[in-house]
Structures are given as C-alpha cells and as structure tokens.
Amino acid sequence: MTEQPKKSPVLLIVIVIIVIGVAVGVYFALSGDETTETNTNTAAATTNTNTAADPYADLMKYDDKTIDITSADEKVEGKIAISIDLTQEYPINVLHFIKITESLPQTATGSSGLAYNYLANHTQEEFLRTGEGTGSLAAAFCNPDQMPDVLTMAQQRSIDADIYYGCDDQYDPWHTTDVFFNVYGSYYNHETWSYASVIGRDKFAVYNASPFYYEYTEQGVQGWKFDNDQVIKEGEITASYDLIYTE
C-alpha cells in the first residue's frame, strides 16, 4: 500500500495567513469606498440646505437701489428707492415718490372751502379703473423745487415728506401751487417680490375726488371723506402721465 505524502503544517499556516490578508484588504477597500460616498453625500446635503435657508441671498443686490422716474411730457419727477431689512416680516420695502407740475383747479366739498381734492393712482394702464389708488395727491406749498431723500425714507420705512410742510404758504387760504406729490410704500417678502412689477407701472393718474365726499360721524366726531375705490372706478381722470424709468 502506497503511503500518502503528509502536508506540511507550515504550508497550511502560510495559506491561512494569505487568505486572511486578502479578506482584510478587500474589507478595507470596500469600507473606504463607502466612507467617501457617505461624506460626499453629506457635504452635498449641507450645501443644499444652506442655499434653501437663505432665500434673500440673491435679492440683496436690490438693497439701497434707486430708480429715477420721469414722463414723456416732462411733467413728472420722481424716484423709487428699495431697502431690505431682514428683521422685518416683509423685509423688502419699495418707496415710491412721484412729483408732478400741473395746473389743477381747487374745488369745494361739503362745508369746506376751496382745496385740492385729488386721488393719485400709480399703476398699469389696464388697471386705471380698479383698486383703491396709491393715496391722496398732496399739494407742495413749501419748497416745491426740492426733492426729499427718498432712499433715507425707504430705509426708515417712512412716507413723511417733511420738506413740503411747515411754511407760511401752507396756512395761507389764498395761496395756490402747481406742484403736487404722491408718496407710498409697498412691502414684499421673497415669495411676493417681483422687480419687473415694480418698474412695470407705466401710468400715473390723477382723479377728481370732490364729487364723492360725504359726511360721516365716527366716535362722536363729524367729518367728510370719500371712498377710494369709488373714485377710482367712477371719478374723472383730470390728468395722466406715461412714465419712464431710468436705473
């Protein structure tokens, strides 16, 4: 009977060590690939989260921006100022200031004497008969040739054009003027903001509010007022202007 050769125990040990070494190498190679992928995905997720968390990053370019307003007939002088305050619920404040030079008649309403009773509307032409307008058209009795600091007003969220008030002419019942202004603010967040809509208002119109005044009593005090939406819908458009914006 032929005797089978005996396997060397040393050779078996070497083989076992080689197998274990290969297995460990494969494990670390695969582990390395998984670790790199996980880190990359984590970094990408962090980047996307930061971008989504700052919706005003691309809008800050409008902060402290001003836009000049004129008209085709050169009767309008105005300015738009944009200020962004991220502490506010509606951070983007757009202040609109429009001054016109126009001969407008004074009219009487109710028990009052002669006065300038007009409503202003800064809008698009197709909306001239809708909405409530953009406030009263105020007479500039004082410093009519001056312009207020519109950007500072926007930053302060104020619509007080103080330079047109406080002089003697304001209290002179016989004094007249051919300079008038309208100032108002609009507020936006990142979802409602549209720069195109800000400079898309191509019309400024003046409505005669005198026929729409009515007497009212509120908390025991009597007075006269008009409903803005009725004036916009039914009132005579005394003057209108095609606006031009210059950045």
Protein backbone atom coordinates (compact mmCIF):
# COMPACT_ATOMS: atom_id res chain seq x y z
CA MET A 1 0.00 0.00 0.00
CA THR A 2 1.35 3.32 -1.07
CA GLU A 3 1.77 5.87 1.76
CA GLN A 4 0.14 9.29 1.14
CA PRO A 5 2.55 12.21 1.49
CA LYS A 6 1.97 14.32 4.61
CA LYS A 7 1.12 18.04 4.23
CA SER A 8 3.45 20.37 5.95
CA PRO A 9 1.79 22.32 8.84
CA VAL A 10 3.96 25.32 7.96
CA LEU A 11 2.49 25.45 4.47
CA LEU A 12 -1.04 25.34 5.87
CA ILE A 13 -0.31 28.24 8.17
CA VAL A 14 1.07 30.34 5.31
CA ILE A 15 -2.01 29.68 3.19
CA VAL A 16 -4.34 30.66 6.03
CA ILE A 17 -2.41 33.90 6.59
CA ILE A 18 -2.59 34.80 2.90
CA VAL A 19 -6.37 34.19 2.77
CA ILE A 20 -6.96 36.30 5.87
CA GLY A 21 -4.79 39.09 4.45
CA VAL A 22 -6.70 39.20 1.19
CA ALA A 23 -10.04 39.26 3.04
CA VAL A 24 -8.93 42.13 5.28
CA GLY A 25 -7.65 44.09 2.25
CA VAL A 26 -10.94 43.68 0.41
CA TYR A 27 -12.89 44.75 3.52
CA PHE A 28 -10.91 47.96 3.99
CA ALA A 29 -11.08 48.75 0.29
CA LEU A 30 -14.86 48.45 0.31
CA SER A 31 -15.13 50.35 3.59
CA GLY A 32 -13.08 53.17 2.15
CA ASP A 33 -15.39 53.49 -0.86
CA GLU A 34 -18.47 53.60 1.37
CA THR A 35 -16.95 56.24 3.65
CA THR A 36 -16.06 58.54 0.74
CA GLU A 37 -19.54 58.30 -0.74
CA THR A 38 -21.21 59.00 2.60
CA ASN A 39 -19.06 62.09 3.18
CA THR A 40 -19.74 63.39 -0.31
CA ASN A 41 -23.47 62.97 0.08
CA THR A 42 -23.39 64.66 3.47
CA ALA A 43 -21.49 67.63 2.07
CA ALA A 44 -23.92 67.96 -0.83
CA ALA A 45 -26.90 67.82 1.53
CA THR A 46 -25.38 70.51 3.73
CA THR A 47 -24.78 72.79 0.75
CA ASN A 48 -28.36 72.41 -0.48
CA THR A 49 -29.74 73.08 2.99
CA ASN A 50 -27.74 76.31 3.36
CA THR A 51 -28.94 77.59 -0.01
CA ALA A 52 -32.58 76.89 0.81
CA ALA A 53 -32.22 78.57 4.21
CA ASP A 54 -31.20 81.92 2.70
CA PRO A 55 -33.88 82.92 0.16
CA TYR A 56 -32.72 86.55 0.21
CA ALA A 57 -29.13 85.84 -0.86
CA ASP A 58 -29.83 86.71 -4.50
CA LEU A 59 -32.15 89.61 -3.62
CA MET A 60 -29.69 91.70 -1.61
CA LYS A 61 -28.43 93.23 -4.88
CA TYR A 62 -31.58 95.38 -4.78
CA ASP A 63 -30.81 96.81 -1.33
CA ASP A 64 -30.34 100.62 -1.46
CA LYS A 65 -31.17 100.65 -5.18
CA THR A 66 -32.81 103.81 -6.60
CA ILE A 67 -34.66 104.32 -9.88
CA ASP A 68 -35.48 107.71 -11.40
CA ILE A 69 -38.97 108.42 -12.72
CA THR A 70 -39.84 110.93 -15.45
CA SER A 71 -42.62 111.23 -18.00
CA ALA A 72 -42.85 111.68 -21.74
CA ASP A 73 -44.21 115.23 -21.29
CA GLU A 74 -41.52 116.09 -18.68
CA LYS A 75 -44.11 116.99 -16.04
CA VAL A 76 -43.13 114.17 -13.69
CA GLU A 77 -40.09 113.96 -11.43
CA GLY A 78 -39.80 111.08 -9.03
CA LYS A 79 -37.80 108.25 -7.59
CA ILE A 80 -38.20 104.70 -6.38
CA ALA A 81 -35.97 103.51 -3.52
CA ILE A 82 -35.59 99.91 -2.36
CA SER A 83 -34.43 98.98 1.12
CA ILE A 84 -34.17 95.49 2.62
CA ASP A 85 -34.38 94.88 6.37
CA LEU A 86 -34.21 91.16 7.15
CA THR A 87 -35.55 91.70 10.68
CA GLN A 88 -38.98 92.57 9.26
CA GLU A 89 -41.77 90.15 8.37
CA TYR A 90 -41.83 91.72 4.90
CA PRO A 91 -38.17 92.69 4.50
CA ILE A 92 -38.29 94.41 1.09
CA ASN A 93 -39.60 97.98 1.25
CA VAL A 94 -40.17 99.86 -2.00
CA LEU A 95 -40.81 103.58 -1.53
CA HIS A 96 -42.42 105.39 -4.46
CA PHE A 97 -42.22 109.18 -4.69
CA ILE A 98 -43.81 110.99 -7.63
CA LYS A 99 -43.97 114.77 -8.03
CA ILE A 100 -45.89 116.46 -10.83
CA THR A 101 -46.08 120.01 -12.14
CA GLU A 102 -49.64 120.63 -13.27
CA SER A 103 -52.26 123.37 -13.10
CA LEU A 104 -55.07 121.75 -11.13
CA PRO A 105 -58.17 123.67 -10.00
CA GLN A 106 -59.29 123.88 -6.41
CA THR A 107 -62.79 122.69 -5.57
CA ALA A 108 -65.17 122.87 -2.61
CA THR A 109 -66.52 119.84 -0.75
CA GLY A 110 -69.31 119.83 1.82
CA SER A 111 -68.81 122.62 4.31
CA SER A 112 -65.12 123.17 3.47
CA GLY A 113 -63.68 125.94 1.36
CA LEU A 114 -61.65 125.59 -1.79
CA ALA A 115 -58.95 122.92 -1.70
CA TYR A 116 -57.07 120.43 -3.86
CA ASN A 117 -59.16 117.27 -3.61
CA TYR A 118 -57.44 114.65 -5.75
CA LEU A 119 -56.62 110.97 -5.54
CA ALA A 120 -53.48 109.54 -7.15
CA ASN A 121 -53.02 106.18 -8.82
CA HIS A 122 -49.61 104.78 -9.81
CA THR A 123 -50.42 101.66 -11.76
CA GLN A 124 -50.54 99.92 -15.12
CA GLU A 125 -52.83 101.32 -17.78
CA GLU A 126 -55.17 98.32 -17.73
CA PHE A 127 -55.78 98.83 -14.01
CA LEU A 128 -56.67 102.54 -14.08
CA ARG A 129 -60.26 101.76 -13.07
CA THR A 130 -59.59 99.08 -10.45
CA GLY A 131 -58.24 99.14 -6.90
CA GLU A 132 -58.04 101.98 -4.40
CA GLY A 133 -55.24 104.10 -5.84
CA THR A 134 -51.98 104.99 -4.12
CA GLY A 135 -53.18 107.74 -1.79
CA SER A 136 -54.03 111.41 -1.89
CA LEU A 137 -52.28 113.82 -4.21
CA ALA A 138 -50.77 116.35 -1.79
CA ALA A 139 -50.03 119.99 -2.58
CA ALA A 140 -46.39 121.08 -2.22
CA PHE A 141 -46.82 124.59 -0.81
CA CYS A 142 -43.33 124.67 0.72
CA ASN A 143 -40.03 124.08 -1.12
CA PRO A 144 -41.74 122.89 -4.32
CA ASP A 145 -38.44 122.77 -6.24
CA GLN A 146 -36.80 120.33 -3.82
CA MET A 147 -36.75 116.54 -3.71
CA PRO A 148 -36.81 114.59 -0.44
CA ASP A 149 -34.17 111.99 0.40
CA VAL A 150 -36.21 109.05 -0.86
CA LEU A 151 -33.62 106.38 -0.02
CA THR A 152 -33.42 107.51 3.61
CA MET A 153 -37.21 107.47 3.79
CA ALA A 154 -37.20 103.89 2.47
CA GLN A 155 -34.57 102.82 4.99
CA GLN A 156 -36.62 104.36 7.80
CA ARG A 157 -39.87 102.96 6.40
CA SER A 158 -41.34 106.47 6.44
CA ILE A 159 -43.61 108.30 3.99
CA ASP A 160 -43.24 111.70 5.65
CA ALA A 161 -42.12 114.25 3.07
CA ASP A 162 -41.49 116.93 5.70
CA ILE A 163 -39.79 119.39 3.35
CA TYR A 164 -43.16 120.32 1.83
CA TYR A 165 -44.77 121.32 5.14
CA GLY A 166 -44.43 123.99 7.81
CA CYS A 167 -44.06 127.24 5.84
CA ASP A 168 -46.44 130.21 5.92
CA ASP A 169 -47.78 129.48 2.44
CA GLN A 170 -49.24 126.22 3.70
CA TYR A 171 -51.60 128.12 6.01
CA ASP A 172 -52.48 130.90 3.58
CA PRO A 173 -56.04 130.14 2.33
CA TRP A 174 -55.41 132.16 -0.85
CA HIS A 175 -52.11 130.56 -1.79
CA THR A 176 -52.09 128.19 -4.76
CA THR A 177 -49.49 125.86 -6.25
CA ASP A 178 -48.88 123.88 -9.40
CA VAL A 179 -46.64 121.27 -7.73
CA PHE A 180 -48.13 118.12 -6.19
CA PHE A 181 -46.76 114.81 -4.94
CA ASN A 182 -47.77 111.28 -4.10
CA VAL A 183 -45.71 109.04 -1.81
CA TYR A 184 -46.42 105.49 -0.72
CA GLY A 185 -44.64 102.31 0.30
CA SER A 186 -45.04 98.69 -0.80
CA TYR A 187 -43.74 95.71 1.20
CA TYR A 188 -42.69 92.28 -0.02
CA ASN A 189 -41.10 89.03 1.08
CA HIS A 190 -39.04 86.73 -1.14
CA GLU A 191 -42.18 84.96 -2.38
CA THR A 192 -44.13 88.06 -3.43
CA TRP A 193 -41.19 90.15 -4.70
CA SER A 194 -41.00 90.99 -8.40
CA TYR A 195 -38.66 93.67 -9.71
CA ALA A 196 -40.44 93.60 -13.06
CA SER A 197 -43.73 94.56 -11.41
CA VAL A 198 -42.07 97.49 -9.60
CA ILE A 199 -40.93 99.10 -12.85
CA GLY A 200 -43.95 97.84 -14.79
CA ARG A 201 -46.33 100.54 -13.53
CA ASP A 202 -46.40 102.68 -16.63
CA LYS A 203 -49.12 105.17 -15.66
CA PHE A 204 -49.63 107.88 -13.07
CA ALA A 205 -53.18 109.24 -12.99
CA VAL A 206 -54.94 111.98 -11.01
CA TYR A 207 -58.66 111.65 -10.16
CA ASN A 208 -61.07 114.40 -9.08
CA ALA A 209 -62.40 113.24 -5.71
CA SER A 210 -64.59 116.29 -4.95
CA PRO A 211 -67.96 114.86 -6.09
CA PHE A 212 -67.51 111.79 -3.89
CA TYR A 213 -67.13 113.40 -0.49
CA TYR A 214 -69.81 112.54 2.04
CA GLU A 215 -70.41 113.46 5.66
CA TYR A 216 -69.78 110.87 8.33
CA THR A 217 -69.77 110.54 12.11
CA GLU A 218 -67.19 108.39 13.85
CA GLN A 219 -66.83 108.14 17.63
CA GLY A 220 -68.89 111.28 18.03
CA VAL A 221 -66.80 113.28 15.55
CA GLN A 222 -68.25 114.52 12.27
CA GLY A 223 -66.26 114.95 9.09
CA TRP A 224 -66.10 114.49 5.35
CA LYS A 225 -64.39 111.76 3.37
CA PHE A 226 -64.59 109.74 0.16
CA ASP A 227 -64.24 106.06 -0.73
CA ASN A 228 -61.08 105.49 -2.74
CA ASP A 229 -62.40 102.56 -4.77
CA GLN A 230 -65.45 104.58 -5.87
CA VAL A 231 -63.28 107.50 -7.01
CA ILE A 232 -61.00 105.16 -8.99
CA LYS A 233 -63.98 103.44 -10.60
CA GLU A 234 -66.15 106.48 -11.36
CA GLY A 235 -64.09 109.65 -10.91
CA GLU A 236 -62.92 111.95 -13.66
CA ILE A 237 -59.28 111.42 -14.60
CA THR A 238 -58.05 115.01 -14.51
CA ALA A 239 -54.50 114.24 -15.63
CA SER A 240 -52.44 111.18 -16.58
CA TYR A 241 -48.79 110.60 -17.45
CA ASP A 242 -46.79 107.97 -19.32
CA LEU A 243 -43.89 107.09 -17.04
CA ILE A 244 -40.24 106.45 -17.91
CA TYR A 245 -37.88 104.61 -15.54
CA THR A 246 -34.12 105.09 -15.54
CA GLU A 247 -31.89 102.86 -13.42
